[in-house]
């Protein structure tokens, strides 16, 4: 398994995590294990000393070239308390003030300051906040129920010097207009996407605890929101036999290997991480319950940050001993049937679509909704191993 006795000890992350595991071992330190405060693990003096010691030793013993982005990540691995610069006008994203019932789902979309076109395309299409009516998944289904949808965009901060423009005031006006911007004061880089998960879980736990589900996605995904609404109602209806505290569904990847190609943006050197990745939901988006979001918030305090966000979520899931569900209606890239008229009525989420494509595909889905309303979803889910 990924964790426990078989956790590799040859990489920097592995060594740091083993130190954290040992330090808060419930057998060795029963008093400390009873309650882990928000800052205790990663601000603890002993762990800071251990971090410094291991970093220094690795630098002396390892001649492997580490890219600047990885070095920046390593230098800031212990820091995860970043102040909020902008947050939604409502307590839980767009449309929060107008609802008369708790939201069925909160759409939490990772974006950047410059990607205004992506945000607008989402607002105009699948990411509309408010009441959304469900759509039948199978022809035998009863009239589908609906649910309240809320929306929030997750951002860090980009360098105004590098961009040549300061967008902070523009973002404040955007948030005043739409009420859906959540921005923290950290550098918005690829390796810092993990911070958006960790900080979002904290914010969600404080402000959005009543939301039944979360869709965490990139700003270039297309989501079949009406069918997702129906799918989530199905999960609620069978929750007596299916514990929602463990519910996560997406495009699940098992026994993934770190990318050792130096030119890849996913490059992870062996000196940093050794071994296979845990089972995780990859691609452009994943859905999990609000109950699980709070559990992820708590367990993340005991898991060192990792530069690949989806893998880090998988690490937290493994720490909870939970396996995500794989569903073929969550697609990372293209799919064979996409040229067919009703193809996009058979999916829940697909990755890598431009703002123009989002608008066009959504309009096409609306036009064909009547004749395609009984098209079933692609296959079904199965539990990851």
Protein backbone atom coordinates (compact mmCIF):
# COMPACT_ATOMS: atom_id res chain seq x y z
CA UNK A 1 0.00 0.00 0.00
CA UNK A 2 1.00 3.63 -0.36
CA UNK A 3 1.08 4.37 3.37
CA UNK A 4 2.25 2.52 6.45
CA UNK A 5 5.19 0.15 6.58
CA UNK A 6 5.73 0.24 2.83
CA UNK A 7 6.01 4.02 2.53
CA UNK A 8 9.30 4.62 0.72
CA UNK A 9 11.94 6.51 2.69
CA UNK A 10 14.34 7.59 -0.05
CA UNK A 11 12.71 10.85 -1.11
CA UNK A 12 12.58 14.20 0.66
CA UNK A 13 8.78 14.22 0.92
CA UNK A 14 8.77 10.61 2.15
CA UNK A 15 11.26 11.41 4.90
CA UNK A 16 9.39 14.51 6.02
CA UNK A 17 6.09 12.66 6.08
CA UNK A 18 7.59 9.77 8.04
CA UNK A 19 8.84 12.25 10.64
CA UNK A 20 5.38 13.78 10.90
CA UNK A 21 3.78 10.33 11.19
CA UNK A 22 6.20 9.30 13.92
CA UNK A 23 5.82 12.57 15.80
CA UNK A 24 2.04 12.21 16.02
CA UNK A 25 1.93 8.44 16.40
CA UNK A 26 -0.93 7.63 18.77
CA UNK A 27 1.08 4.86 20.42
CA UNK A 28 4.31 6.79 20.89
CA UNK A 29 2.60 10.09 21.76
CA UNK A 30 -0.96 9.34 22.96
CA UNK A 31 -1.54 12.81 24.42
CA UNK A 32 -0.55 14.65 21.25
CA UNK A 33 -2.61 12.37 19.04
CA UNK A 34 -5.85 13.18 20.82
CA UNK A 35 -6.27 16.59 19.24
CA UNK A 36 -4.33 18.18 16.42
CA UNK A 37 -4.78 21.93 16.30
CA UNK A 38 -4.88 23.90 13.06
CA UNK A 39 -1.24 25.00 13.25
CA UNK A 40 0.28 22.35 15.46
CA UNK A 41 1.87 19.98 12.96
CA UNK A 42 3.52 22.33 10.54
CA UNK A 43 4.47 25.10 12.96
CA UNK A 44 5.78 22.73 15.63
CA UNK A 45 9.40 23.52 16.53
CA UNK A 46 10.51 19.91 16.36
CA UNK A 47 9.15 19.46 12.85
CA UNK A 48 10.68 22.74 11.71
CA UNK A 49 14.04 21.58 13.03
CA UNK A 50 13.57 18.21 11.32
CA UNK A 51 12.58 19.94 8.08
CA UNK A 52 15.70 22.14 8.16
CA UNK A 53 17.93 19.17 8.98
CA UNK A 54 16.56 16.98 6.18
CA UNK A 55 16.63 19.81 3.63
CA UNK A 56 20.26 20.61 4.47
CA UNK A 57 21.31 16.97 4.28
CA UNK A 58 19.51 16.45 0.95
CA UNK A 59 21.22 19.49 -0.57
CA UNK A 60 24.63 18.16 0.48
CA UNK A 61 24.04 14.57 -0.66
CA UNK A 62 22.04 15.07 -3.84
CA UNK A 63 23.46 16.41 -7.07
CA UNK A 64 20.24 15.93 -9.07
CA UNK A 65 19.09 19.06 -10.87
CA UNK A 66 15.92 20.44 -9.29
CA UNK A 67 13.90 22.99 -11.33
CA UNK A 68 13.37 26.42 -9.82
CA UNK A 69 9.62 25.78 -9.45
CA UNK A 70 10.32 22.67 -7.37
CA UNK A 71 12.89 24.50 -5.27
CA UNK A 72 10.40 27.29 -4.57
CA UNK A 73 7.84 24.69 -3.53
CA UNK A 74 10.31 22.99 -1.19
CA UNK A 75 11.29 26.29 0.40
CA UNK A 76 7.64 26.99 1.27
CA UNK A 77 6.41 23.47 2.08
CA UNK A 78 5.71 24.26 5.73
CA UNK A 79 3.66 27.39 5.05
CA UNK A 80 -0.09 27.05 4.54
CA UNK A 81 -1.61 29.95 6.45
CA UNK A 82 -2.22 32.60 3.79
CA UNK A 83 -4.61 35.52 4.31
CA UNK A 84 -7.73 35.94 2.20
CA UNK A 85 -7.57 38.96 -0.12
CA UNK A 86 -11.06 38.72 -1.64
CA UNK A 87 -14.01 36.53 -0.74
CA UNK A 88 -17.61 36.14 -1.93
CA UNK A 89 -20.26 38.64 -0.91
CA UNK A 90 -22.48 35.82 0.36
CA UNK A 91 -21.41 33.35 2.99
CA UNK A 92 -20.98 30.53 0.47
CA UNK A 93 -20.45 31.84 -3.04
CA UNK A 94 -22.67 33.34 -5.72
CA UNK A 95 -26.44 33.30 -5.15
CA UNK A 96 -26.12 32.59 -1.41
CA UNK A 97 -28.35 35.50 -0.38
CA UNK A 98 -31.34 34.45 -2.52
CA UNK A 99 -31.73 30.82 -1.54
CA UNK A 100 -34.41 29.40 0.72
CA UNK A 101 -32.72 26.01 1.25
CA UNK A 102 -29.15 24.71 1.68
CA UNK A 103 -27.23 24.26 -1.58
CA UNK A 104 -27.10 20.84 -3.15
CA UNK A 105 -23.67 21.58 -4.62
CA UNK A 106 -20.96 24.22 -4.49
CA UNK A 107 -18.96 24.60 -7.70
CA UNK A 108 -15.38 25.37 -6.62
CA UNK A 109 -13.39 26.23 -9.73
CA UNK A 110 -9.65 26.77 -9.83
CA UNK A 111 -8.76 29.73 -11.99
CA UNK A 112 -6.19 32.53 -12.31
CA UNK A 113 -6.44 36.31 -12.37
CA UNK A 114 -5.99 36.51 -16.14
CA UNK A 115 -8.60 33.87 -17.01
CA UNK A 116 -11.62 36.18 -17.00
CA UNK A 117 -12.93 34.71 -20.28
CA UNK A 118 -12.97 31.25 -18.72
CA UNK A 119 -14.91 32.51 -15.70
CA UNK A 120 -17.43 34.33 -17.88
CA UNK A 121 -17.98 31.28 -20.06
CA UNK A 122 -18.65 29.17 -16.96
CA UNK A 123 -21.03 31.79 -15.50
CA UNK A 124 -22.98 31.85 -18.77
CA UNK A 125 -23.18 28.07 -19.17
CA UNK A 126 -22.87 25.14 -16.78
CA UNK A 127 -21.84 27.23 -13.77
CA UNK A 128 -24.97 29.36 -13.40
CA UNK A 129 -25.80 29.78 -9.72
CA UNK A 130 -29.31 29.39 -8.34
CA UNK A 131 -31.97 26.72 -8.75
CA UNK A 132 -31.12 24.11 -11.39
CA UNK A 133 -33.59 21.45 -12.50
CA UNK A 134 -32.27 17.94 -12.90
CA UNK A 135 -32.41 15.88 -16.09
CA UNK A 136 -33.31 12.20 -16.38
CA UNK A 137 -30.34 9.85 -16.50
CA UNK A 138 -32.39 6.89 -17.71
CA UNK A 139 -35.74 6.71 -19.51
CA UNK A 140 -37.20 4.82 -16.55
CA UNK A 141 -36.38 7.62 -14.09
CA UNK A 142 -39.15 9.60 -12.46
CA UNK A 143 -39.41 13.36 -12.99
CA UNK A 144 -36.00 14.56 -11.76
CA UNK A 145 -35.64 16.85 -8.78
CA UNK A 146 -33.59 20.02 -8.78
CA UNK A 147 -31.25 21.72 -6.39
CA UNK A 148 -29.57 24.98 -5.48
CA UNK A 149 -26.15 25.53 -7.03
CA UNK A 150 -23.55 27.94 -5.72
CA UNK A 151 -20.33 28.98 -7.38
CA UNK A 152 -16.92 30.18 -6.24
CA UNK A 153 -13.67 30.69 -8.14
CA UNK A 154 -10.40 29.87 -6.35
CA UNK A 155 -7.38 32.09 -7.03
CA UNK A 156 -3.92 32.88 -5.77
CA UNK A 157 -2.03 36.04 -6.61
CA UNK A 158 0.00 36.61 -9.77
CA UNK A 159 3.01 38.90 -9.91
CA UNK A 160 1.93 42.33 -11.14
CA UNK A 161 5.56 43.02 -12.08
CA UNK A 162 5.68 39.99 -14.37
CA UNK A 163 2.24 40.65 -15.86
CA UNK A 164 2.85 44.37 -16.22
CA UNK A 165 -0.53 45.11 -14.63
CA UNK A 166 -2.13 44.95 -11.19
CA UNK A 167 -5.52 43.23 -11.43
CA UNK A 168 -6.44 43.41 -7.74
CA UNK A 169 -8.93 46.26 -8.16
CA UNK A 170 -10.42 44.65 -11.28
CA UNK A 171 -10.95 41.43 -9.31
CA UNK A 172 -12.63 43.34 -6.47
CA UNK A 173 -15.06 44.88 -8.95
CA UNK A 174 -15.65 41.45 -10.49
CA UNK A 175 -16.43 40.05 -7.06
CA UNK A 176 -18.74 42.96 -6.28
CA UNK A 177 -20.64 42.20 -9.49
CA UNK A 178 -20.77 38.40 -9.28
CA UNK A 179 -19.97 37.59 -5.65
CA UNK A 180 -17.92 34.52 -6.51
CA UNK A 181 -14.21 35.35 -6.13
CA UNK A 182 -12.14 33.71 -3.38
CA UNK A 183 -8.50 34.80 -3.52
CA UNK A 184 -5.61 34.16 -1.15
CA UNK A 185 -2.26 35.92 -0.86
CA UNK A 186 0.04 33.24 -2.27
CA UNK A 187 1.84 32.96 -5.59
CA UNK A 188 -0.49 31.32 -8.12
CA UNK A 189 1.83 28.74 -9.69
CA UNK A 190 1.18 25.20 -10.93
CA UNK A 191 2.87 23.63 -7.91
CA UNK A 192 0.78 25.79 -5.58
CA UNK A 193 -2.54 24.44 -6.85
CA UNK A 194 -2.48 22.14 -3.81
CA UNK A 195 -2.81 25.22 -1.60
CA UNK A 196 -6.16 25.96 -3.25
CA UNK A 197 -7.46 22.60 -2.05
CA UNK A 198 -6.12 22.98 1.49
CA UNK A 199 -7.26 26.58 1.92
CA UNK A 200 -10.61 25.89 0.26
CA UNK A 201 -11.32 23.01 2.65
CA UNK A 202 -10.69 25.35 5.56
CA UNK A 203 -12.91 28.08 4.10
CA UNK A 204 -15.62 25.57 3.21
CA UNK A 205 -15.64 24.14 6.72
CA UNK A 206 -16.22 27.63 8.14
CA UNK A 207 -18.66 29.07 5.60
CA UNK A 208 -20.31 26.31 3.55
CA UNK A 209 -20.92 23.45 5.92
CA UNK A 210 -24.50 22.95 4.74
CA UNK A 211 -23.59 22.25 1.11
CA UNK A 212 -24.25 18.57 0.40
CA UNK A 213 -21.63 18.25 -2.35
CA UNK A 214 -18.62 20.02 -3.86
CA UNK A 215 -17.48 19.96 -7.47
CA UNK A 216 -13.82 20.90 -7.54
CA UNK A 217 -12.76 21.59 -11.11
CA UNK A 218 -10.49 23.52 -13.44
CA UNK A 219 -11.74 26.52 -15.39
CA UNK A 220 -11.54 24.63 -18.70
CA UNK A 221 -14.03 21.87 -17.97
CA UNK A 222 -17.57 21.37 -19.24
CA UNK A 223 -20.05 19.99 -16.71
CA UNK A 224 -23.46 18.53 -17.51
CA UNK A 225 -25.00 20.26 -14.49
CA UNK A 226 -28.63 19.03 -14.90
CA UNK A 227 -27.58 15.38 -15.05
CA UNK A 228 -25.08 15.91 -12.25
CA UNK A 229 -27.93 17.25 -10.11
CA UNK A 230 -29.91 14.06 -10.74
CA UNK A 231 -26.87 11.86 -10.10
CA UNK A 232 -26.28 13.57 -6.75
CA UNK A 233 -29.91 13.10 -5.72
CA UNK A 234 -29.43 9.41 -6.44
CA UNK A 235 -26.47 9.39 -4.05
CA UNK A 236 -28.55 11.10 -1.37
CA UNK A 237 -31.38 8.61 -1.83
CA UNK A 238 -29.11 5.63 -1.36
CA UNK A 239 -26.99 7.23 1.38
CA UNK A 240 -28.47 4.87 3.97
CA UNK A 241 -26.46 2.12 2.36
CA UNK A 242 -23.68 4.33 1.07
CA UNK A 243 -21.81 6.46 3.57
CA UNK A 244 -21.59 10.01 2.18
CA UNK A 245 -18.70 10.73 4.54
CA UNK A 246 -16.62 8.68 2.10
CA UNK A 247 -18.14 9.81 -1.21
CA UNK A 248 -15.82 11.00 -3.97
CA UNK A 249 -16.28 10.28 -7.67
CA UNK A 250 -14.25 11.10 -10.77
CA UNK A 251 -11.76 9.69 -13.27
CA UNK A 252 -9.76 7.46 -10.94
CA UNK A 253 -6.10 6.65 -11.59
CA UNK A 254 -4.53 3.67 -9.83
CA UNK A 255 -0.83 2.87 -9.27
CA UNK A 256 0.21 6.09 -11.00
CA UNK A 257 3.92 6.72 -11.39
CA UNK A 258 5.67 10.06 -10.86
CA UNK A 259 6.73 11.77 -14.08
CA UNK A 260 10.54 11.71 -14.26
CA UNK A 261 10.75 13.69 -17.52
CA UNK A 262 12.64 16.89 -16.70
CA UNK A 263 10.79 18.96 -19.32
CA UNK A 264 7.30 17.96 -18.09
CA UNK A 265 5.36 20.33 -15.86
CA UNK A 266 4.47 17.25 -13.79
CA UNK A 267 8.16 16.40 -13.25
CA UNK A 268 8.87 15.02 -9.78
CA UNK A 269 12.53 14.06 -9.14
CA UNK A 270 13.32 10.86 -7.26
CA UNK A 271 15.17 12.93 -4.71
CA UNK A 272 11.84 14.51 -3.77
CA UNK A 273 9.44 11.56 -3.96
CA UNK A 274 10.04 7.82 -4.22
CA UNK A 275 7.45 5.16 -5.00
CA UNK A 276 4.06 4.97 -6.69
CA UNK A 277 1.27 7.46 -6.15
CA UNK A 278 -1.79 6.48 -4.13
CA UNK A 279 -5.09 5.96 -5.94
CA UNK A 280 -6.45 9.39 -6.86
CA UNK A 281 -9.09 11.07 -9.01
CA UNK A 282 -7.32 12.96 -11.79
CA UNK A 283 -8.40 14.97 -14.78
CA UNK A 284 -10.18 18.29 -14.72
CA UNK A 285 -12.69 17.76 -11.94
CA UNK A 286 -13.98 15.62 -9.11
CA UNK A 287 -17.12 15.59 -6.96
CA UNK A 288 -17.16 14.82 -3.24
CA UNK A 289 -19.56 15.25 -0.37
CA UNK A 290 -19.52 18.20 1.99
CA UNK A 291 -19.03 15.73 4.83
CA UNK A 292 -15.88 14.41 3.17
CA UNK A 293 -14.64 17.96 2.53
CA UNK A 294 -14.56 18.57 6.28
CA UNK A 295 -12.76 15.28 6.87
CA UNK A 296 -10.20 16.20 4.19
CA UNK A 297 -9.70 19.54 5.92
CA UNK A 298 -8.89 17.81 9.19
CA UNK A 299 -6.65 15.07 7.82
CA UNK A 300 -4.72 17.46 5.55
CA UNK A 301 -3.18 18.98 8.68
CA UNK A 302 -1.22 15.74 9.08
CA UNK A 303 -0.10 15.37 5.44
CA UNK A 304 2.80 17.40 4.05
CA UNK A 305 1.99 19.43 0.96
CA UNK A 306 2.75 17.79 -2.39
CA UNK A 307 3.22 19.76 -5.65
CA UNK A 308 0.64 17.82 -7.71
CA UNK A 309 -2.81 18.75 -6.38
CA UNK A 310 -4.77 15.68 -7.48
CA UNK A 311 -2.10 13.39 -6.02
CA UNK A 312 -2.18 15.30 -2.74
CA UNK A 313 -5.94 14.80 -2.48
CA UNK A 314 -5.28 11.11 -3.11
CA UNK A 315 -2.76 11.11 -0.26
CA UNK A 316 -5.34 12.61 2.08
CA UNK A 317 -7.92 10.06 0.91
CA UNK A 318 -5.47 7.23 1.52
CA UNK A 319 -4.79 8.61 4.99
CA UNK A 320 -8.54 8.33 5.62
CA UNK A 321 -8.50 4.83 4.09
CA UNK A 322 -11.13 5.87 1.52
CA UNK A 323 -11.17 4.85 -2.14
CA UNK A 324 -12.73 7.24 -4.68
CA UNK A 325 -15.33 5.90 -7.12
CA UNK A 326 -14.43 5.75 -10.79
CA UNK A 327 -17.13 6.85 -13.21
CA UNK A 328 -16.73 6.77 -16.99
CA UNK A 329 -18.84 9.92 -17.35
CA UNK A 330 -15.89 11.91 -15.94
CA UNK A 331 -13.51 12.41 -18.86
CA UNK A 332 -10.00 13.81 -18.78
CA UNK A 333 -9.78 14.60 -22.50
CA UNK A 334 -11.72 13.51 -25.57
CA UNK A 335 -14.08 10.56 -26.02
CA UNK A 336 -14.99 8.46 -29.03
CA UNK A 337 -18.65 9.44 -29.22
CA UNK A 338 -18.17 13.21 -28.98
CA UNK A 339 -19.10 13.77 -32.62
CA UNK A 340 -22.56 12.27 -32.10
CA UNK A 341 -25.55 14.55 -31.53
CA UNK A 342 -26.31 13.37 -28.00
CA UNK A 343 -22.73 12.66 -26.92
CA UNK A 344 -22.45 15.42 -24.35
CA UNK A 345 -25.70 14.33 -22.73
CA UNK A 346 -23.96 11.08 -21.75
CA UNK A 347 -21.18 12.70 -19.72
CA UNK A 348 -20.97 14.47 -16.38
CA UNK A 349 -17.66 16.28 -16.91
CA UNK A 350 -15.08 16.62 -19.66
CA UNK A 351 -11.74 18.44 -19.50
CA UNK A 352 -9.90 20.78 -21.80
CA UNK A 353 -12.53 22.93 -23.49
CA UNK A 354 -11.89 26.57 -24.40
CA UNK A 355 -14.31 29.36 -23.43
CA UNK A 356 -15.67 29.45 -27.01
CA UNK A 357 -16.13 25.69 -27.00
CA UNK A 358 -17.95 25.85 -23.65
CA UNK A 359 -20.46 28.38 -24.96
CA UNK A 360 -21.05 26.50 -28.21
CA UNK A 361 -21.31 23.06 -26.61
CA UNK A 362 -23.70 24.34 -23.95
CA UNK A 363 -25.92 25.94 -26.59
CA UNK A 364 -25.91 22.68 -28.56
CA UNK A 365 -26.84 20.73 -25.43
CA UNK A 366 -29.78 23.05 -24.80
CA UNK A 367 -31.00 22.68 -28.40
CA UNK A 368 -30.88 18.89 -28.26
CA UNK A 369 -32.08 18.49 -24.67
CA UNK A 370 -35.54 17.22 -25.65
CA UNK A 371 -34.45 14.53 -28.09
CA UNK A 372 -31.48 13.53 -25.92
CA UNK A 373 -33.12 13.63 -22.48
CA UNK A 374 -33.26 9.83 -22.16
CA UNK A 375 -29.64 9.22 -23.18
CA UNK A 376 -27.96 7.29 -20.33
CA UNK A 377 -24.66 8.25 -18.78
CA UNK A 378 -21.53 6.53 -20.00
CA UNK A 379 -21.23 3.26 -18.04
CA UNK A 380 -21.29 3.43 -14.25
CA UNK A 381 -19.00 3.85 -11.30
CA UNK A 382 -16.72 1.36 -9.64
CA UNK A 383 -14.58 1.67 -6.53
CA UNK A 384 -10.90 2.40 -6.98
CA UNK A 385 -8.52 -0.19 -5.64
